Amino acid sequence: MENCIFCKIAQKEIPSTGVYEDEHLYAFRDLNPQAPEHILIIPKKHIARVENLQEEDTELMGRIVIAAQKIAEKLGLKKGYRLVFNNGPDGGQEVEHIHLHLMGGRKFSWPAG
């Protein structure tokens, strides 16, 4: 997508602090971290929201979760971490490009807020 900031980050048009990359995904540190470790994992394919997912995206979404597992291990988040997909404005989604938040390094409370 032409004006999508996350597409530009994935294409290295906008600098970021990358922590993981493969042919399908890019993961980088959040500029406004909500935990000591706060990583955003995005598909390189532009998908705006969860409701825009197609059956063909099933494997891609699984890859996102497996990437989160690998990143959490690399970061030493042995006590646990939180994975969050925000969807739409009421769900807290600020960028219209599906992304998984991986947060850790502190204890989280519930409900999430």
Protein backbone atom coordinates (compact mmCIF):
# COMPACT_ATOMS: atom_id res chain seq x y z
CA MET A 1 0.00 0.00 0.00
CA GLU A 2 1.43 3.32 -1.09
CA ASN A 3 1.09 5.45 2.06
CA CYS A 4 1.29 2.74 4.71
CA ILE A 5 4.02 3.52 7.23
CA PHE A 6 4.49 -0.18 8.11
CA CYS A 7 4.86 -1.11 4.42
CA LYS A 8 7.54 1.58 4.16
CA ILE A 9 9.28 0.24 7.28
CA ALA A 10 9.21 -3.33 5.90
CA GLN A 11 10.67 -2.07 2.62
CA LYS A 12 13.41 -0.17 4.54
CA GLU A 13 12.21 3.20 3.22
CA ILE A 14 11.78 4.33 6.84
CA PRO A 15 14.46 3.38 9.39
CA SER A 16 13.65 1.10 12.30
CA THR A 17 15.43 -1.07 14.80
CA GLY A 18 14.86 -4.50 13.34
CA VAL A 19 15.04 -7.62 15.49
CA TYR A 20 13.83 -10.29 13.03
CA GLU A 21 13.23 -10.67 9.33
CA ASP A 22 12.42 -13.41 6.88
CA GLU A 23 10.86 -13.43 3.43
CA HIS A 24 7.33 -12.97 4.84
CA LEU A 25 7.76 -10.89 8.01
CA TYR A 26 9.62 -8.00 9.56
CA ALA A 27 9.83 -7.30 13.31
CA PHE A 28 11.09 -4.11 14.91
CA ARG A 29 11.13 -2.23 18.20
CA ASP A 30 8.08 -0.06 18.90
CA LEU A 31 8.90 3.66 19.05
CA ASN A 32 6.46 4.09 21.96
CA PRO A 33 7.16 0.99 24.07
CA GLN A 34 4.63 -0.10 26.67
CA ALA A 35 7.02 -2.60 28.25
CA PRO A 36 10.80 -3.01 28.53
CA GLU A 37 10.60 -5.22 25.42
CA HIS A 38 7.98 -4.12 22.89
CA ILE A 39 8.30 -5.52 19.38
CA LEU A 40 5.93 -5.14 16.43
CA ILE A 41 5.75 -8.08 14.03
CA ILE A 42 4.29 -7.25 10.63
CA PRO A 43 3.69 -9.19 7.45
CA LYS A 44 5.45 -7.74 4.41
CA LYS A 45 2.15 -8.23 2.59
CA HIS A 46 -0.22 -5.35 3.31
CA ILE A 47 -3.31 -6.50 5.19
CA ALA A 48 -5.16 -3.65 6.89
CA ARG A 49 -7.16 -5.49 9.58
CA VAL A 50 -8.16 -8.91 10.84
CA GLU A 51 -11.41 -8.73 8.86
CA ASN A 52 -9.35 -8.36 5.67
CA LEU A 53 -7.65 -11.73 6.18
CA GLN A 54 -8.34 -14.41 3.58
CA GLU A 55 -8.07 -18.20 3.83
CA GLU A 56 -4.76 -17.90 1.94
CA ASP A 57 -3.35 -15.87 4.88
CA THR A 58 -3.69 -18.73 7.37
CA GLU A 59 -0.06 -19.82 7.05
CA LEU A 60 1.17 -16.21 7.21
CA MET A 61 -0.65 -15.59 10.51
CA GLY A 62 0.86 -18.78 11.92
CA ARG A 63 4.29 -17.55 10.86
CA ILE A 64 3.70 -14.34 12.84
CA VAL A 65 3.07 -16.29 16.05
CA ILE A 66 6.07 -18.59 15.48
CA ALA A 67 8.23 -15.50 14.85
CA ALA A 68 7.00 -14.08 18.18
CA GLN A 69 8.10 -17.30 19.89
CA LYS A 70 11.58 -17.07 18.33
CA ILE A 71 11.96 -13.38 19.18
CA ALA A 72 10.82 -13.91 22.79
CA GLU A 73 13.39 -16.67 23.18
CA LYS A 74 16.10 -14.45 21.68
CA LEU A 75 15.16 -11.64 24.10
CA GLY A 76 15.23 -14.01 27.09
CA LEU A 77 11.58 -13.54 28.04
CA LYS A 78 11.52 -16.77 30.06
CA LYS A 79 8.99 -15.54 32.66
CA GLY A 80 6.40 -14.83 29.96
CA TYR A 81 5.21 -12.21 27.54
CA ARG A 82 2.03 -10.82 26.03
CA LEU A 83 0.93 -11.08 22.40
CA VAL A 84 -1.71 -8.58 21.23
CA PHE A 85 -3.48 -7.88 17.95
CA ASN A 86 -5.38 -4.57 18.10
CA ASN A 87 -8.09 -4.38 15.45
CA GLY A 88 -9.87 -1.20 14.37
CA PRO A 89 -10.09 2.13 16.18
CA ASP A 90 -12.10 0.80 19.15
CA GLY A 91 -9.57 -2.02 19.51
CA GLY A 92 -6.68 0.46 19.70
CA GLN A 93 -5.28 -0.11 16.19
CA GLU A 94 -3.38 3.03 15.19
CA VAL A 95 -1.81 1.84 11.92
CA GLU A 96 -3.99 0.18 9.29
CA HIS A 97 -1.59 -2.71 8.71
CA ILE A 98 -2.13 -5.87 10.74
CA HIS A 99 0.59 -6.31 13.36
CA LEU A 100 1.29 -8.35 16.45
CA HIS A 101 2.61 -6.65 19.58
CA LEU A 102 5.10 -8.77 21.52
CA MET A 103 5.60 -7.25 24.98
CA GLY A 104 7.62 -8.53 27.88
CA GLY A 105 10.17 -7.77 30.54
CA ARG A 106 7.58 -6.88 33.19
CA LYS A 107 4.54 -8.40 34.85
CA PHE A 108 1.22 -7.58 33.17
CA SER A 109 -2.16 -7.24 34.86
CA TRP A 110 -5.59 -8.38 33.73
CA PRO A 111 -7.94 -7.20 32.39
CA ALA A 112 -5.75 -5.59 29.79
CA GLY A 113 -7.54 -2.24 29.85
